[in-house]
Amino acid sequence: MFKRKQYIVDKDFQSRFIARVLLFIICSVILSGIVSYVIAVQIEKSSRVQLYGATNEFNDDIETVTRMDVVRPIIIKSAVIGGLISILVAGLAMYFYSNRLAGPVYHLNNHLRKIIDGNYGEPLVFRKKDEFSGLADTINELQEKIKKNL
């Protein structure tokens, strides 16, 4: 097996793939943040209102705040930070995983071009962890049958 040195083999395919996956993850993060916020608001509404006293500075008048006033910024910050981390990790994972999809398609296309040109000598070989290895076996079997028939 060979090890590929470049991770971008089909820029258009890989960028579309990464963009679609990231769009899905961004939508999921936004939806989960909204659902978390709505659930927190509903829990706050159904519970008895607890009021707290808070001041900005020493000897200021005490301001009354609800539990939701205290919890809301925490929910929003955790949703934003968690979402950004999720998007970053998913983007990196998709960058490397897209290579396992685009690489075999790229090699398959080149190999089929060789077969069209009449070169039946080399078998199609993918890396161990690449996707579509079963397809490579089928192409190699087809190539052998074409060789025998010629």
C-alpha atoms as a PDB file:
ATOM      1  CA  MET A   1       0.000   0.000   0.000  1.00  0.00           C
ATOM      2  CA  PHE A   2       1.084   3.539  -0.604  1.00  0.00           C
ATOM      3  CA  LYS A   3       0.721   6.596   1.585  1.00  0.00           C
ATOM      4  CA  ARG A   4      -0.654   9.727   0.014  1.00  0.00           C
ATOM      5  CA  LYS A   5       1.349  12.860   0.774  1.00  0.00           C
ATOM      6  CA  GLN A   6      -1.228  15.477  -0.144  1.00  0.00           C
ATOM      7  CA  TYR A   7      -4.623  15.707   1.471  1.00  0.00           C
ATOM      8  CA  ILE A   8      -6.295  17.794  -1.219  1.00  0.00           C
ATOM      9  CA  VAL A   9      -6.574  15.667  -4.358  1.00  0.00           C
ATOM     10  CA  ASP A  10      -9.876  16.991  -5.720  1.00  0.00           C
ATOM     11  CA  LYS A  11     -10.316  20.523  -4.426  1.00  0.00           C
ATOM     12  CA  ASP A  12     -13.858  21.033  -5.741  1.00  0.00           C
ATOM     13  CA  PHE A  13     -15.238  17.744  -4.410  1.00  0.00           C
ATOM     14  CA  GLN A  14     -13.502  17.993  -1.065  1.00  0.00           C
ATOM     15  CA  SER A  15     -14.457  21.626  -0.477  1.00  0.00           C
ATOM     16  CA  ARG A  16     -18.122  20.912  -1.340  1.00  0.00           C
ATOM     17  CA  PHE A  17     -18.085  17.843   0.915  1.00  0.00           C
ATOM     18  CA  ILE A  18     -16.530  19.730   3.837  1.00  0.00           C
ATOM     19  CA  ALA A  19     -18.877  22.705   3.354  1.00  0.00           C
ATOM     20  CA  ARG A  20     -21.974  20.492   3.343  1.00  0.00           C
ATOM     21  CA  VAL A  21     -20.923  18.596   6.444  1.00  0.00           C
ATOM     22  CA  LEU A  22     -20.027  21.817   8.266  1.00  0.00           C
ATOM     23  CA  LEU A  23     -23.342  23.398   7.237  1.00  0.00           C
ATOM     24  CA  PHE A  24     -25.142  20.381   8.680  1.00  0.00           C
ATOM     25  CA  ILE A  25     -23.136  20.654  11.909  1.00  0.00           C
ATOM     26  CA  ILE A  26     -23.686  24.419  12.168  1.00  0.00           C
ATOM     27  CA  CYS A  27     -27.438  23.917  11.763  1.00  0.00           C
ATOM     28  CA  SER A  28     -27.356  21.154  14.378  1.00  0.00           C
ATOM     29  CA  VAL A  29     -25.414  23.323  16.823  1.00  0.00           C
ATOM     30  CA  ILE A  30     -27.800  26.259  16.333  1.00  0.00           C
ATOM     31  CA  LEU A  31     -30.835  24.014  16.714  1.00  0.00           C
ATOM     32  CA  SER A  32     -29.470  22.374  19.862  1.00  0.00           C
ATOM     33  CA  GLY A  33     -28.650  25.808  21.323  1.00  0.00           C
ATOM     34  CA  ILE A  34     -32.170  27.038  20.622  1.00  0.00           C
ATOM     35  CA  VAL A  35     -33.719  23.881  22.086  1.00  0.00           C
ATOM     36  CA  SER A  36     -31.520  24.160  25.202  1.00  0.00           C
ATOM     37  CA  TYR A  37     -32.506  27.791  25.647  1.00  0.00           C
ATOM     38  CA  VAL A  38     -36.227  27.089  25.174  1.00  0.00           C
ATOM     39  CA  ILE A  39     -36.076  24.220  27.659  1.00  0.00           C
ATOM     40  CA  ALA A  40     -34.315  26.438  30.204  1.00  0.00           C
ATOM     41  CA  VAL A  41     -36.951  29.156  29.736  1.00  0.00           C
ATOM     42  CA  GLN A  42     -39.793  26.633  30.135  1.00  0.00           C
ATOM     43  CA  ILE A  43     -38.244  25.207  33.291  1.00  0.00           C
ATOM     44  CA  GLU A  44     -37.876  28.711  34.668  1.00  0.00           C
ATOM     45  CA  LYS A  45     -41.501  29.559  33.875  1.00  0.00           C
ATOM     46  CA  SER A  46     -42.855  26.393  35.466  1.00  0.00           C
ATOM     47  CA  SER A  47     -40.816  26.745  38.647  1.00  0.00           C
ATOM     48  CA  ARG A  48     -41.572  29.217  41.346  1.00  0.00           C
ATOM     49  CA  VAL A  49     -39.858  32.482  40.595  1.00  0.00           C
ATOM     50  CA  GLN A  50     -36.860  32.935  42.791  1.00  0.00           C
ATOM     51  CA  LEU A  51     -35.548  36.434  43.028  1.00  0.00           C
ATOM     52  CA  TYR A  52     -32.032  37.358  43.984  1.00  0.00           C
ATOM     53  CA  GLY A  53     -30.541  40.603  45.112  1.00  0.00           C
ATOM     54  CA  ALA A  54     -27.549  41.870  43.196  1.00  0.00           C
ATOM     55  CA  THR A  55     -25.524  45.060  43.085  1.00  0.00           C
ATOM     56  CA  ASN A  56     -22.989  46.318  40.594  1.00  0.00           C
ATOM     57  CA  GLU A  57     -20.859  48.204  43.089  1.00  0.00           C
ATOM     58  CA  PHE A  58     -20.471  48.452  46.833  1.00  0.00           C
ATOM     59  CA  ASN A  59     -23.273  50.382  48.572  1.00  0.00           C
ATOM     60  CA  ASP A  60     -25.427  50.529  45.403  1.00  0.00           C
ATOM     61  CA  ASP A  61     -29.114  49.895  45.512  1.00  0.00           C
ATOM     62  CA  ILE A  62     -29.991  46.213  45.390  1.00  0.00           C
ATOM     63  CA  GLU A  63     -31.405  45.182  42.039  1.00  0.00           C
ATOM     64  CA  THR A  64     -33.789  42.255  41.864  1.00  0.00           C
ATOM     65  CA  VAL A  65     -32.944  39.654  39.224  1.00  0.00           C
ATOM     66  CA  THR A  66     -34.516  36.327  38.332  1.00  0.00           C
ATOM     67  CA  ARG A  67     -32.704  33.046  38.073  1.00  0.00           C
ATOM     68  CA  MET A  68     -33.060  33.229  34.277  1.00  0.00           C
ATOM     69  CA  ASP A  69     -31.208  36.574  34.235  1.00  0.00           C
ATOM     70  CA  VAL A  70     -28.283  34.794  35.882  1.00  0.00           C
ATOM     71  CA  VAL A  71     -28.448  31.558  33.853  1.00  0.00           C
ATOM     72  CA  ARG A  72     -29.150  33.027  30.369  1.00  0.00           C
ATOM     73  CA  PRO A  73     -25.595  34.311  29.737  1.00  0.00           C
ATOM     74  CA  ILE A  74     -24.170  30.981  30.879  1.00  0.00           C
ATOM     75  CA  ILE A  75     -26.419  29.045  28.482  1.00  0.00           C
ATOM     76  CA  ILE A  76     -25.569  31.335  25.581  1.00  0.00           C
ATOM     77  CA  LYS A  77     -21.811  31.271  26.254  1.00  0.00           C
ATOM     78  CA  SER A  78     -21.709  27.492  26.628  1.00  0.00           C
ATOM     79  CA  ALA A  79     -23.752  27.002  23.436  1.00  0.00           C
ATOM     80  CA  VAL A  80     -21.501  29.347  21.454  1.00  0.00           C
ATOM     81  CA  ILE A  81     -18.220  27.945  22.795  1.00  0.00           C
ATOM     82  CA  GLY A  82     -19.394  24.330  22.479  1.00  0.00           C
ATOM     83  CA  GLY A  83     -20.680  25.015  18.978  1.00  0.00           C
ATOM     84  CA  LEU A  84     -17.445  26.627  17.829  1.00  0.00           C
ATOM     85  CA  ILE A  85     -15.387  23.753  19.222  1.00  0.00           C
ATOM     86  CA  SER A  86     -17.708  21.230  17.545  1.00  0.00           C
ATOM     87  CA  ILE A  87     -17.443  23.035  14.213  1.00  0.00           C
ATOM     88  CA  LEU A  88     -13.649  23.249  14.445  1.00  0.00           C
ATOM     89  CA  VAL A  89     -13.216  19.576  15.353  1.00  0.00           C
ATOM     90  CA  ALA A  90     -15.684  18.478  12.664  1.00  0.00           C
ATOM     91  CA  GLY A  91     -13.976  20.677  10.064  1.00  0.00           C
ATOM     92  CA  LEU A  92     -10.600  19.113  10.791  1.00  0.00           C
ATOM     93  CA  ALA A  93     -12.064  15.610  10.776  1.00  0.00           C
ATOM     94  CA  MET A  94     -13.819  16.238   7.457  1.00  0.00           C
ATOM     95  CA  TYR A  95     -10.615  17.664   5.965  1.00  0.00           C
ATOM     96  CA  PHE A  96      -8.815  14.388   6.600  1.00  0.00           C
ATOM     97  CA  TYR A  97     -11.793  12.099   5.951  1.00  0.00           C
ATOM     98  CA  SER A  98     -12.639  13.781   2.637  1.00  0.00           C
ATOM     99  CA  ASN A  99      -9.244  12.606   1.421  1.00  0.00           C
ATOM    100  CA  ARG A 100     -10.316   9.007   2.031  1.00  0.00           C
ATOM    101  CA  LEU A 101     -13.249   9.631  -0.302  1.00  0.00           C
ATOM    102  CA  ALA A 102     -11.728  11.926  -2.917  1.00  0.00           C
ATOM    103  CA  GLY A 103      -8.456  10.024  -3.255  1.00  0.00           C
ATOM    104  CA  PRO A 104     -10.028   6.748  -4.377  1.00  0.00           C
ATOM    105  CA  VAL A 105     -12.394   8.553  -6.764  1.00  0.00           C
ATOM    106  CA  TYR A 106      -9.429  10.420  -8.230  1.00  0.00           C
ATOM    107  CA  HIS A 107      -7.424   7.196  -8.657  1.00  0.00           C
ATOM    108  CA  LEU A 108     -10.435   5.340 -10.017  1.00  0.00           C
ATOM    109  CA  ASN A 109     -10.976   8.038 -12.641  1.00  0.00           C
ATOM    110  CA  ASN A 110      -7.293   7.934 -13.674  1.00  0.00           C
ATOM    111  CA  HIS A 111      -7.318   4.127 -13.783  1.00  0.00           C
ATOM    112  CA  LEU A 112     -10.438   4.036 -15.946  1.00  0.00           C
ATOM    113  CA  ARG A 113      -8.781   6.537 -18.316  1.00  0.00           C
ATOM    114  CA  LYS A 114      -5.847   4.102 -18.643  1.00  0.00           C
ATOM    115  CA  ILE A 115      -8.244   1.251 -19.404  1.00  0.00           C
ATOM    116  CA  ILE A 116      -9.970   3.391 -22.052  1.00  0.00           C
ATOM    117  CA  ASP A 117      -6.548   4.037 -23.593  1.00  0.00           C
ATOM    118  CA  GLY A 118      -5.923   0.266 -23.722  1.00  0.00           C
ATOM    119  CA  ASN A 119      -3.557  -0.085 -20.767  1.00  0.00           C
ATOM    120  CA  TYR A 120      -4.749  -3.175 -18.855  1.00  0.00           C
ATOM    121  CA  GLY A 121      -1.492  -3.948 -17.058  1.00  0.00           C
ATOM    122  CA  GLU A 122      -1.704  -2.361 -13.622  1.00  0.00           C
ATOM    123  CA  PRO A 123      -4.347  -3.328 -11.064  1.00  0.00           C
ATOM    124  CA  LEU A 124      -6.199  -0.578  -9.221  1.00  0.00           C
ATOM    125  CA  VAL A 125      -4.870  -0.352  -5.648  1.00  0.00           C
ATOM    126  CA  PHE A 126      -6.291   1.802  -2.873  1.00  0.00           C
ATOM    127  CA  ARG A 127      -4.786   2.463   0.530  1.00  0.00           C
ATOM    128  CA  LYS A 128      -5.828   0.179   3.354  1.00  0.00           C
ATOM    129  CA  LYS A 129      -8.261   2.627   5.004  1.00  0.00           C
ATOM    130  CA  ASP A 130      -9.646   4.195   1.815  1.00  0.00           C
ATOM    131  CA  GLU A 131     -13.311   3.879   0.997  1.00  0.00           C
ATOM    132  CA  PHE A 132     -14.514   1.981  -2.085  1.00  0.00           C
ATOM    133  CA  SER A 133     -11.991  -0.878  -1.814  1.00  0.00           C
ATOM    134  CA  GLY A 134     -14.700  -3.294  -2.975  1.00  0.00           C
ATOM    135  CA  LEU A 135     -15.117  -1.179  -6.094  1.00  0.00           C
ATOM    136  CA  ALA A 136     -11.391  -1.475  -6.797  1.00  0.00           C
ATOM    137  CA  ASP A 137     -11.661  -5.264  -6.612  1.00  0.00           C
ATOM    138  CA  THR A 138     -14.564  -5.224  -9.066  1.00  0.00           C
ATOM    139  CA  ILE A 139     -12.689  -2.926 -11.481  1.00  0.00           C
ATOM    140  CA  ASN A 140      -9.645  -5.228 -11.284  1.00  0.00           C
ATOM    141  CA  GLU A 141     -11.848  -8.242 -12.017  1.00  0.00           C
ATOM    142  CA  LEU A 142     -13.407  -6.420 -14.978  1.00  0.00           C
ATOM    143  CA  GLN A 143      -9.940  -5.470 -16.216  1.00  0.00           C
ATOM    144  CA  GLU A 144      -8.813  -9.107 -16.070  1.00  0.00           C
ATOM    145  CA  LYS A 145     -11.873 -10.262 -18.040  1.00  0.00           C
ATOM    146  CA  ILE A 146     -11.264  -7.588 -20.690  1.00  0.00           C
ATOM    147  CA  LYS A 147      -7.637  -8.751 -20.961  1.00  0.00           C
ATOM    148  CA  LYS A 148      -8.722 -12.371 -21.402  1.00  0.00           C
ATOM    149  CA  ASN A 149     -11.308 -11.487 -24.058  1.00  0.00           C
ATOM    150  CA  LEU A 150      -8.789  -9.476 -26.057  1.00  0.00           C
END
